[in-house]
Amino acid sequence: MKLITITSILIFGLSPPASAALSGFYDSGEQISTILTNEAVGNALRQAPIGAITNTGTREDGAHAWEVRTQECDLKVYLVPKASAGVGKVTYTVEVPKACE
């Protein structure tokens, strides 16, 4: 039976379901883009210019921890991964525990 399935794929050009996982490079770019375009992050930074964005690890629940630095503030930001319902890339929900003071 397995031989028939493999032969069918080769003959009819059928392909197995594709994974939509991004490489680490593109996934980190997606995360940075999510941070930069999030209104809550901009408001928490009081719209100050960004000096650096650094990945600081992963929280116990799997959320990606980031630090956004400005001249006067180091803001902690967490990105919670949300898998798509079907085939598609992972998206992120942004958590900003506290704003810059």
PDB file of N, CA and C in Angstrom:
ATOM      1  N   MET A   1       0.827  -1.205   0.000  1.00  0.00           N
ATOM      2  CA  MET A   1       0.000   0.000   0.000  1.00  0.00           C
ATOM      3  C   MET A   1       0.862   1.255   0.000  1.00  0.00           C
ATOM      4  N   LYS A   2       1.944   1.240   0.768  1.00  0.00           N
ATOM      5  CA  LYS A   2       2.831   2.397   0.838  1.00  0.00           C
ATOM      6  C   LYS A   2       3.458   2.677  -0.527  1.00  0.00           C
ATOM      7  N   LEU A   3       3.805   1.610  -1.261  1.00  0.00           N
ATOM      8  CA  LEU A   3       4.397   1.752  -2.584  1.00  0.00           C
ATOM      9  C   LEU A   3       3.414   2.418  -3.546  1.00  0.00           C
ATOM     10  N   ILE A   4       2.140   2.048  -3.432  1.00  0.00           N
ATOM     11  CA  ILE A   4       1.120   2.647  -4.299  1.00  0.00           C
ATOM     12  C   ILE A   4       0.992   4.150  -4.007  1.00  0.00           C
ATOM     13  N   THR A   5       1.002   4.520  -2.760  1.00  0.00           N
ATOM     14  CA  THR A   5       0.876   5.928  -2.385  1.00  0.00           C
ATOM     15  C   THR A   5       2.053   6.741  -2.906  1.00  0.00           C
ATOM     16  N   ILE A   6       3.260   6.245  -2.715  1.00  0.00           N
ATOM     17  CA  ILE A   6       4.455   6.942  -3.207  1.00  0.00           C
ATOM     18  C   ILE A   6       4.438   7.024  -4.717  1.00  0.00           C
ATOM     19  N   THR A   7       4.040   5.928  -5.384  1.00  0.00           N
ATOM     20  CA  THR A   7       3.963   5.927  -6.844  1.00  0.00           C
ATOM     21  C   THR A   7       2.924   6.933  -7.329  1.00  0.00           C
ATOM     22  N   SER A   8       1.787   6.999  -6.647  1.00  0.00           N
ATOM     23  CA  SER A   8       0.738   7.957  -7.027  1.00  0.00           C
ATOM     24  C   SER A   8       1.239   9.391  -6.919  1.00  0.00           C
ATOM     25  N   ILE A   9       1.994   9.661  -5.873  1.00  0.00           N
ATOM     26  CA  ILE A   9       2.540  11.006  -5.694  1.00  0.00           C
ATOM     27  C   ILE A   9       3.484  11.342  -6.836  1.00  0.00           C
ATOM     28  N   LEU A  10       4.324  10.405  -7.210  1.00  0.00           N
ATOM     29  CA  LEU A  10       5.287  10.660  -8.285  1.00  0.00           C
ATOM     30  C   LEU A  10       4.605  10.782  -9.643  1.00  0.00           C
ATOM     31  N   ILE A  11       3.643   9.928  -9.909  1.00  0.00           N
ATOM     32  CA  ILE A  11       2.988   9.926 -11.224  1.00  0.00           C
ATOM     33  C   ILE A  11       2.048  11.116 -11.388  1.00  0.00           C
ATOM     34  N   PHE A  12       1.225  11.375 -10.421  1.00  0.00           N
ATOM     35  CA  PHE A  12       0.203  12.399 -10.548  1.00  0.00           C
ATOM     36  C   PHE A  12       0.646  13.772 -10.061  1.00  0.00           C
ATOM     37  N   GLY A  13       1.858  13.878  -9.572  1.00  0.00           N
ATOM     38  CA  GLY A  13       2.373  15.166  -9.134  1.00  0.00           C
ATOM     39  C   GLY A  13       1.732  15.678  -7.848  1.00  0.00           C
ATOM     40  N   LEU A  14       1.146  14.772  -7.106  1.00  0.00           N
ATOM     41  CA  LEU A  14       0.549  15.182  -5.840  1.00  0.00           C
ATOM     42  C   LEU A  14       1.661  15.430  -4.838  1.00  0.00           C
ATOM     43  N   SER A  15       1.477  16.396  -4.021  1.00  0.00           N
ATOM     44  CA  SER A  15       2.512  16.665  -3.020  1.00  0.00           C
ATOM     45  C   SER A  15       1.913  16.535  -1.626  1.00  0.00           C
ATOM     46  N   PRO A  16       2.713  16.080  -0.694  1.00  0.00           N
ATOM     47  CA  PRO A  16       2.226  15.999   0.684  1.00  0.00           C
ATOM     48  C   PRO A  16       2.016  17.407   1.233  1.00  0.00           C
ATOM     49  N   PRO A  17       1.234  17.543   2.297  1.00  0.00           N
ATOM     50  CA  PRO A  17       0.997  18.884   2.861  1.00  0.00           C
ATOM     51  C   PRO A  17       2.302  19.581   3.208  1.00  0.00           C
ATOM     52  N   ALA A  18       2.382  20.858   2.908  1.00  0.00           N
ATOM     53  CA  ALA A  18       3.602  21.622   3.162  1.00  0.00           C
ATOM     54  C   ALA A  18       3.548  22.268   4.531  1.00  0.00           C
ATOM     55  N   SER A  19       4.680  22.392   5.116  1.00  0.00           N
ATOM     56  CA  SER A  19       4.788  23.102   6.384  1.00  0.00           C
ATOM     57  C   SER A  19       5.064  24.563   6.083  1.00  0.00           C
ATOM     58  N   ALA A  20       4.506  25.447   6.872  1.00  0.00           N
ATOM     59  CA  ALA A  20       4.694  26.873   6.621  1.00  0.00           C
ATOM     60  C   ALA A  20       5.672  27.493   7.617  1.00  0.00           C
ATOM     61  N   ALA A  21       6.493  26.677   8.218  1.00  0.00           N
ATOM     62  CA  ALA A  21       7.445  27.208   9.192  1.00  0.00           C
ATOM     63  C   ALA A  21       8.461  28.110   8.494  1.00  0.00           C
ATOM     64  N   LEU A  22       8.763  29.228   9.131  1.00  0.00           N
ATOM     65  CA  LEU A  22       9.765  30.147   8.603  1.00  0.00           C
ATOM     66  C   LEU A  22      11.123  29.793   9.184  1.00  0.00           C
ATOM     67  N   SER A  23      12.168  30.144   8.485  1.00  0.00           N
ATOM     68  CA  SER A  23      13.502  29.972   9.052  1.00  0.00           C
ATOM     69  C   SER A  23      13.642  30.904  10.251  1.00  0.00           C
ATOM     70  N   GLY A  24      14.622  30.633  11.092  1.00  0.00           N
ATOM     71  CA  GLY A  24      14.847  31.480  12.263  1.00  0.00           C
ATOM     72  C   GLY A  24      15.056  32.934  11.893  1.00  0.00           C
ATOM     73  N   PHE A  25      15.754  33.175  10.790  1.00  0.00           N
ATOM     74  CA  PHE A  25      15.999  34.549  10.329  1.00  0.00           C
ATOM     75  C   PHE A  25      14.690  35.266  10.033  1.00  0.00           C
ATOM     76  N   TYR A  26      13.831  34.629   9.237  1.00  0.00           N
ATOM     77  CA  TYR A  26      12.580  35.273   8.855  1.00  0.00           C
ATOM     78  C   TYR A  26      11.600  35.350  10.018  1.00  0.00           C
ATOM     79  N   ASP A  27      11.615  34.344  10.908  1.00  0.00           N
ATOM     80  CA  ASP A  27      10.735  34.379  12.057  1.00  0.00           C
ATOM     81  C   ASP A  27      11.125  35.513  13.014  1.00  0.00           C
ATOM     82  N   SER A  28      12.422  35.703  13.241  1.00  0.00           N
ATOM     83  CA  SER A  28      12.834  36.808  14.113  1.00  0.00           C
ATOM     84  C   SER A  28      12.495  38.150  13.461  1.00  0.00           C
ATOM     85  N   GLY A  29      12.603  38.239  12.152  1.00  0.00           N
ATOM     86  CA  GLY A  29      12.178  39.455  11.437  1.00  0.00           C
ATOM     87  C   GLY A  29      10.687  39.700  11.601  1.00  0.00           C
ATOM     88  N   GLU A  30       9.908  38.634  11.555  1.00  0.00           N
ATOM     89  CA  GLU A  30       8.459  38.736  11.773  1.00  0.00           C
ATOM     90  C   GLU A  30       8.173  39.242  13.188  1.00  0.00           C
ATOM     91  N   GLN A  31       8.920  38.743  14.157  1.00  0.00           N
ATOM     92  CA  GLN A  31       8.732  39.183  15.541  1.00  0.00           C
ATOM     93  C   GLN A  31       9.095  40.661  15.709  1.00  0.00           C
ATOM     94  N   ILE A  32      10.209  41.078  15.141  1.00  0.00           N
ATOM     95  CA  ILE A  32      10.625  42.481  15.233  1.00  0.00           C
ATOM     96  C   ILE A  32       9.601  43.383  14.550  1.00  0.00           C
ATOM     97  N   SER A  33       9.118  42.959  13.396  1.00  0.00           N
ATOM     98  CA  SER A  33       8.101  43.733  12.685  1.00  0.00           C
ATOM     99  C   SER A  33       6.828  43.863  13.522  1.00  0.00           C
ATOM    100  N   THR A  34       6.454  42.782  14.195  1.00  0.00           N
ATOM    101  CA  THR A  34       5.273  42.806  15.060  1.00  0.00           C
ATOM    102  C   THR A  34       5.450  43.822  16.183  1.00  0.00           C
ATOM    103  N   ILE A  35       6.646  43.865  16.764  1.00  0.00           N
ATOM    104  CA  ILE A  35       6.931  44.825  17.834  1.00  0.00           C
ATOM    105  C   ILE A  35       6.865  46.258  17.303  1.00  0.00           C
ATOM    106  N   LEU A  36       7.510  46.499  16.165  1.00  0.00           N
ATOM    107  CA  LEU A  36       7.599  47.858  15.629  1.00  0.00           C
ATOM    108  C   LEU A  36       6.259  48.413  15.157  1.00  0.00           C
ATOM    109  N   THR A  37       5.339  47.553  14.794  1.00  0.00           N
ATOM    110  CA  THR A  37       4.048  48.024  14.272  1.00  0.00           C
ATOM    111  C   THR A  37       2.935  47.966  15.313  1.00  0.00           C
ATOM    112  N   ASN A  38       3.266  47.619  16.549  1.00  0.00           N
ATOM    113  CA  ASN A  38       2.251  47.489  17.588  1.00  0.00           C
ATOM    114  C   ASN A  38       2.015  48.830  18.281  1.00  0.00           C
ATOM    115  N   GLU A  39       0.780  49.262  18.294  1.00  0.00           N
ATOM    116  CA  GLU A  39       0.418  50.551  18.884  1.00  0.00           C
ATOM    117  C   GLU A  39       0.705  50.598  20.382  1.00  0.00           C
ATOM    118  N   ALA A  40       0.452  49.497  21.089  1.00  0.00           N
ATOM    119  CA  ALA A  40       0.686  49.467  22.541  1.00  0.00           C
ATOM    120  C   ALA A  40       2.169  49.659  22.863  1.00  0.00           C
ATOM    121  N   VAL A  41       3.055  49.104  22.035  1.00  0.00           N
ATOM    122  CA  VAL A  41       4.496  49.284  22.247  1.00  0.00           C
ATOM    123  C   VAL A  41       4.871  50.746  22.044  1.00  0.00           C
ATOM    124  N   GLY A  42       4.391  51.351  20.975  1.00  0.00           N
ATOM    125  CA  GLY A  42       4.669  52.766  20.709  1.00  0.00           C
ATOM    126  C   GLY A  42       4.191  53.667  21.832  1.00  0.00           C
ATOM    127  N   ASN A  43       3.003  53.376  22.335  1.00  0.00           N
ATOM    128  CA  ASN A  43       2.465  54.179  23.434  1.00  0.00           C
ATOM    129  C   ASN A  43       3.249  53.949  24.730  1.00  0.00           C
ATOM    130  N   ALA A  44       3.651  52.698  24.985  1.00  0.00           N
ATOM    131  CA  ALA A  44       4.417  52.395  26.195  1.00  0.00           C
ATOM    132  C   ALA A  44       5.784  53.089  26.175  1.00  0.00           C
ATOM    133  N   LEU A  45       6.328  53.274  24.973  1.00  0.00           N
ATOM    134  CA  LEU A  45       7.619  53.968  24.824  1.00  0.00           C
ATOM    135  C   LEU A  45       7.444  55.480  24.741  1.00  0.00           C
ATOM    136  N   ARG A  46       6.210  55.933  24.840  1.00  0.00           N
ATOM    137  CA  ARG A  46       5.890  57.364  24.691  1.00  0.00           C
ATOM    138  C   ARG A  46       6.398  57.910  23.349  1.00  0.00           C
ATOM    139  N   GLN A  47       6.369  57.053  22.332  1.00  0.00           N
ATOM    140  CA  GLN A  47       6.757  57.412  20.962  1.00  0.00           C
ATOM    141  C   GLN A  47       8.223  57.835  20.847  1.00  0.00           C
ATOM    142  N   ALA A  48       9.055  57.437  21.797  1.00  0.00           N
ATOM    143  CA  ALA A  48      10.484  57.791  21.762  1.00  0.00           C
ATOM    144  C   ALA A  48      11.198  56.977  20.680  1.00  0.00           C
ATOM    145  N   PRO A  49      12.276  57.519  20.093  1.00  0.00           N
ATOM    146  CA  PRO A  49      13.029  56.777  19.085  1.00  0.00           C
ATOM    147  C   PRO A  49      13.695  55.545  19.709  1.00  0.00           C
ATOM    148  N   ILE A  50      13.719  54.460  18.953  1.00  0.00           N
ATOM    149  CA  ILE A  50      14.278  53.189  19.425  1.00  0.00           C
ATOM    150  C   ILE A  50      15.778  53.152  19.172  1.00  0.00           C
ATOM    151  N   GLY A  51      16.524  52.745  20.203  1.00  0.00           N
ATOM    152  CA  GLY A  51      17.970  52.586  20.078  1.00  0.00           C
ATOM    153  C   GLY A  51      18.357  51.153  19.766  1.00  0.00           C
ATOM    154  N   ALA A  52      17.611  50.178  20.317  1.00  0.00           N
ATOM    155  CA  ALA A  52      17.934  48.769  20.096  1.00  0.00           C
ATOM    156  C   ALA A  52      16.734  47.895  20.437  1.00  0.00           C
ATOM    157  N   ILE A  53      16.666  46.760  19.765  1.00  0.00           N
ATOM    158  CA  ILE A  53      15.682  45.728  20.080  1.00  0.00           C
ATOM    159  C   ILE A  53      16.473  44.437  20.255  1.00  0.00           C
ATOM    160  N   THR A  54      16.306  43.778  21.415  1.00  0.00           N
ATOM    161  CA  THR A  54      17.094  42.592  21.730  1.00  0.00           C
ATOM    162  C   THR A  54      16.193  41.466  22.195  1.00  0.00           C
ATOM    163  N   ASN A  55      16.419  40.268  21.649  1.00  0.00           N
ATOM    164  CA  ASN A  55      15.724  39.080  22.136  1.00  0.00           C
ATOM    165  C   ASN A  55      16.423  38.638  23.412  1.00  0.00           C
ATOM    166  N   THR A  56      15.670  38.502  24.500  1.00  0.00           N
ATOM    167  CA  THR A  56      16.276  38.165  25.789  1.00  0.00           C
ATOM    168  C   THR A  56      15.936  36.760  26.260  1.00  0.00           C
ATOM    169  N   GLY A  57      15.309  35.964  25.405  1.00  0.00           N
ATOM    170  CA  GLY A  57      15.019  34.576  25.771  1.00  0.00           C
ATOM    171  C   GLY A  57      13.563  34.224  25.596  1.00  0.00           C
ATOM    172  N   THR A  58      13.156  33.211  26.367  1.00  0.00           N
ATOM    173  CA  THR A  58      11.789  32.713  26.288  1.00  0.00           C
ATOM    174  C   THR A  58      11.226  32.574  27.694  1.00  0.00           C
ATOM    175  N   ARG A  59      10.008  33.030  27.861  1.00  0.00           N
ATOM    176  CA  ARG A  59       9.314  32.902  29.135  1.00  0.00           C
ATOM    177  C   ARG A  59       8.902  31.448  29.349  1.00  0.00           C
ATOM    178  N   GLU A  60       8.578  31.061  30.578  1.00  0.00           N
ATOM    179  CA  GLU A  60       8.202  29.678  30.885  1.00  0.00           C
ATOM    180  C   GLU A  60       7.022  29.178  30.057  1.00  0.00           C
ATOM    181  N   ASP A  61       6.107  30.066  29.697  1.00  0.00           N
ATOM    182  CA  ASP A  61       4.930  29.659  28.918  1.00  0.00           C
ATOM    183  C   ASP A  61       5.191  29.633  27.413  1.00  0.00           C
ATOM    184  N   GLY A  62       6.436  29.881  27.001  1.00  0.00           N
ATOM    185  CA  GLY A  62       6.793  29.831  25.586  1.00  0.00           C
ATOM    186  C   GLY A  62       6.787  31.170  24.877  1.00  0.00           C
ATOM    187  N   ALA A  63       6.384  32.228  25.561  1.00  0.00           N
ATOM    188  CA  ALA A  63       6.379  33.560  24.946  1.00  0.00           C
ATOM    189  C   ALA A  63       7.814  34.031  24.735  1.00  0.00           C
ATOM    190  N   HIS A  64       8.056  34.682  23.617  1.00  0.00           N
ATOM    191  CA  HIS A  64       9.379  35.213  23.290  1.00  0.00           C
ATOM    192  C   HIS A  64       9.557  36.547  24.010  1.00  0.00           C
ATOM    193  N   ALA A  65      10.657  36.675  24.755  1.00  0.00           N
ATOM    194  CA  ALA A  65      10.915  37.902  25.517  1.00  0.00           C
ATOM    195  C   ALA A  65      11.836  38.813  24.716  1.00  0.00           C
ATOM    196  N   TRP A  66      11.472  40.071  24.626  1.00  0.00           N
ATOM    197  CA  TRP A  66      12.252  41.081  23.920  1.00  0.00           C
ATOM    198  C   TRP A  66      12.418  42.299  24.815  1.00  0.00           C
ATOM    199  N   GLU A  67      13.478  43.051  24.578  1.00  0.00           N
ATOM    200  CA  GLU A  67      13.691  44.322  25.262  1.00  0.00           C
ATOM    201  C   GLU A  67      13.854  45.395  24.192  1.00  0.00           C
ATOM    202  N   VAL A  68      13.074  46.459  24.322  1.00  0.00           N
ATOM    203  CA  VAL A  68      13.148  47.588  23.403  1.00  0.00           C
ATOM    204  C   VAL A  68      13.765  48.743  24.185  1.00  0.00           C
ATOM    205  N   ARG A  69      14.902  49.250  23.706  1.00  0.00           N
ATOM    206  CA  ARG A  69      15.617  50.307  24.423  1.00  0.00           C
ATOM    207  C   ARG A  69      15.446  51.656  23.741  1.00  0.00           C
ATOM    208  N   THR A  70      15.226  52.647  24.570  1.00  0.00           N
ATOM    209  CA  THR A  70      15.272  54.040  24.134  1.00  0.00           C
ATOM    210  C   THR A  70      16.291  54.725  25.037  1.00  0.00           C
ATOM    211  N   GLN A  71      16.517  56.005  24.846  1.00  0.00           N
ATOM    212  CA  GLN A  71      17.479  56.709  25.696  1.00  0.00           C
ATOM    213  C   GLN A  71      17.081  56.673  27.161  1.00  0.00           C
ATOM    214  N   GLU A  72      15.795  56.690  27.437  1.00  0.00           N
ATOM    215  CA  GLU A  72      15.332  56.820  28.814  1.00  0.00           C
ATOM    216  C   GLU A  72      14.618  55.600  29.373  1.00  0.00           C
ATOM    217  N   CYS A  73      14.527  54.517  28.590  1.00  0.00           N
ATOM    218  CA  CYS A  73      13.687  53.402  29.024  1.00  0.00           C
ATOM    219  C   CYS A  73      14.132  52.086  28.403  1.00  0.00           C
ATOM    220  N   ASP A  74      14.035  51.008  29.175  1.00  0.00           N
ATOM    221  CA  ASP A  74      14.188  49.642  28.678  1.00  0.00           C
ATOM    222  C   ASP A  74      12.833  48.955  28.885  1.00  0.00           C
ATOM    223  N   LEU A  75      12.120  48.727  27.777  1.00  0.00           N
ATOM    224  CA  LEU A  75      10.767  48.183  27.836  1.00  0.00           C
ATOM    225  C   LEU A  75      10.787  46.680  27.569  1.00  0.00           C
ATOM    226  N   LYS A  76      10.183  45.896  28.469  1.00  0.00           N
ATOM    227  CA  LYS A  76      10.011  44.460  28.260  1.00  0.00           C
ATOM    228  C   LYS A  76       8.762  44.241  27.416  1.00  0.00           C
ATOM    229  N   VAL A  77       8.905  43.399  26.388  1.00  0.00           N
ATOM    230  CA  VAL A  77       7.791  43.050  25.512  1.00  0.00           C
ATOM    231  C   VAL A  77       7.801  41.534  25.355  1.00  0.00           C
ATOM    232  N   TYR A  78       6.627  40.929  25.391  1.00  0.00           N
ATOM    233  CA  TYR A  78       6.506  39.484  25.201  1.00  0.00           C
ATOM    234  C   TYR A  78       5.634  39.200  23.992  1.00  0.00           C
ATOM    235  N   LEU A  79       6.072  38.274  23.165  1.00  0.00           N
ATOM    236  CA  LEU A  79       5.310  37.854  21.990  1.00  0.00           C
ATOM    237  C   LEU A  79       4.833  36.425  22.212  1.00  0.00           C
ATOM    238  N   VAL A  80       3.523  36.249  22.257  1.00  0.00           N
ATOM    239  CA  VAL A  80       2.927  34.935  22.457  1.00  0.00           C
ATOM    240  C   VAL A  80       2.599  34.356  21.084  1.00  0.00           C
ATOM    241  N   PRO A  81       3.204  33.204  20.718  1.00  0.00           N
ATOM    242  CA  PRO A  81       2.948  32.624  19.397  1.00  0.00           C
ATOM    243  C   PRO A  81       1.521  32.096  19.281  1.00  0.00           C
ATOM    244  N   LYS A  82       0.915  32.348  18.140  1.00  0.00           N
ATOM    245  CA  LYS A  82      -0.428  31.860  17.825  1.00  0.00           C
ATOM    246  C   LYS A  82      -0.357  31.109  16.500  1.00  0.00           C
ATOM    247  N   ALA A  83      -0.501  29.782  16.562  1.00  0.00           N
ATOM    248  CA  ALA A  83      -0.469  28.973  15.348  1.00  0.00           C
ATOM    249  C   ALA A  83      -1.728  29.249  14.525  1.00  0.00           C
ATOM    250  N   SER A  84      -1.587  29.170  13.205  1.00  0.00           N
ATOM    251  CA  SER A  84      -2.744  29.390  12.339  1.00  0.00           C
ATOM    252  C   SER A  84      -3.659  28.170  12.403  1.00  0.00           C
ATOM    253  N   ALA A  85      -4.914  28.363  12.064  1.00  0.00           N
ATOM    254  CA  ALA A  85      -5.887  27.268  12.104  1.00  0.00           C
ATOM    255  C   ALA A  85      -5.573  26.209  11.062  1.00  0.00           C
ATOM    256  N   GLY A  86      -5.046  26.617   9.930  1.00  0.00           N
ATOM    257  CA  GLY A  86      -4.674  25.685   8.869  1.00  0.00           C
ATOM    258  C   GLY A  86      -3.199  25.831   8.568  1.00  0.00           C
ATOM    259  N   VAL A  87      -2.882  25.742   7.304  1.00  0.00           N
ATOM    260  CA  VAL A  87      -1.502  25.949   6.891  1.00  0.00           C
ATOM    261  C   VAL A  87      -1.232  27.450   6.870  1.00  0.00           C
ATOM    262  N   GLY A  88      -0.169  27.866   7.478  1.00  0.00           N
ATOM    263  CA  GLY A  88       0.173  29.280   7.521  1.00  0.00           C
ATOM    264  C   GLY A  88       1.248  29.524   8.553  1.00  0.00           C
ATOM    265  N   LYS A  89       1.802  30.707   8.510  1.00  0.00           N
ATOM    266  CA  LYS A  89       2.883  31.028   9.442  1.00  0.00           C
ATOM    267  C   LYS A  89       2.331  31.372  10.817  1.00  0.00           C
ATOM    268  N   VAL A  90       3.197  31.281  11.806  1.00  0.00           N
ATOM    269  CA  VAL A  90       2.841  31.635  13.168  1.00  0.00           C
ATOM    270  C   VAL A  90       2.736  33.158  13.265  1.00  0.00           C
ATOM    271  N   THR A  91       1.722  33.632  13.944  1.00  0.00           N
ATOM    272  CA  THR A  91       1.599  35.062  14.220  1.00  0.00           C
ATOM    273  C   THR A  91       1.784  35.245  15.728  1.00  0.00           C
ATOM    274  N   TYR A  92       1.866  36.478  16.154  1.00  0.00           N
ATOM    275  CA  TYR A  92       2.175  36.754  17.551  1.00  0.00           C
ATOM    276  C   TYR A  92       1.213  37.767  18.146  1.00  0.00           C
ATOM    277  N   THR A  93       0.862  37.542  19.414  1.00  0.00           N
ATOM    278  CA  THR A  93       0.113  38.493  20.211  1.00  0.00           C
ATOM    279  C   THR A  93       1.119  39.204  21.106  1.00  0.00           C
ATOM    280  N   VAL A  94       1.027  40.520  21.185  1.00  0.00           N
ATOM    281  CA  VAL A  94       1.996  41.326  21.942  1.00  0.00           C
ATOM    282  C   VAL A  94       1.472  41.566  23.354  1.00  0.00           C
ATOM    283  N   GLU A  95       2.366  41.349  24.339  1.00  0.00           N
ATOM    284  CA  GLU A  95       2.062  41.692  25.732  1.00  0.00           C
ATOM    285  C   GLU A  95       3.087  42.707  26.209  1.00  0.00           C
ATOM    286  N   VAL A  96       2.608  43.823  26.740  1.00  0.00           N
ATOM    287  CA  VAL A  96       3.472  44.857  27.303  1.00  0.00           C
ATOM    288  C   VAL A  96       3.090  44.968  28.780  1.00  0.00           C
ATOM    289  N   PRO A  97       3.878  44.330  29.682  1.00  0.00           N
ATOM    290  CA  PRO A  97       3.493  44.319  31.099  1.00  0.00           C
ATOM    291  C   PRO A  97       3.396  45.693  31.745  1.00  0.00           C
ATOM    292  N   LYS A  98       4.328  46.594  31.432  1.00  0.00           N
ATOM    293  CA  LYS A  98       4.229  47.948  31.993  1.00  0.00           C
ATOM    294  C   LYS A  98       4.917  48.927  31.067  1.00  0.00           C
ATOM    295  N   ALA A  99       4.389  50.135  31.033  1.00  0.00           N
ATOM    296  CA  ALA A  99       4.925  51.186  30.163  1.00  0.00           C
ATOM    297  C   ALA A  99       6.126  51.871  30.803  1.00  0.00           C
ATOM    298  N   CYS A 100       6.861  52.581  29.991  1.00  0.00           N
ATOM    299  CA  CYS A 100       7.969  53.407  30.495  1.00  0.00           C
ATOM    300  C   CYS A 100       7.382  54.531  31.335  1.00  0.00           C
ATOM    301  N   GLU A 101       8.100  54.912  32.370  1.00  0.00           N
ATOM    302  CA  GLU A 101       7.616  55.982  33.250  1.00  0.00           C
ATOM    303  C   GLU A 101       8.439  57.226  33.109  1.00  0.00           C
TER     304      GLU A 101
END
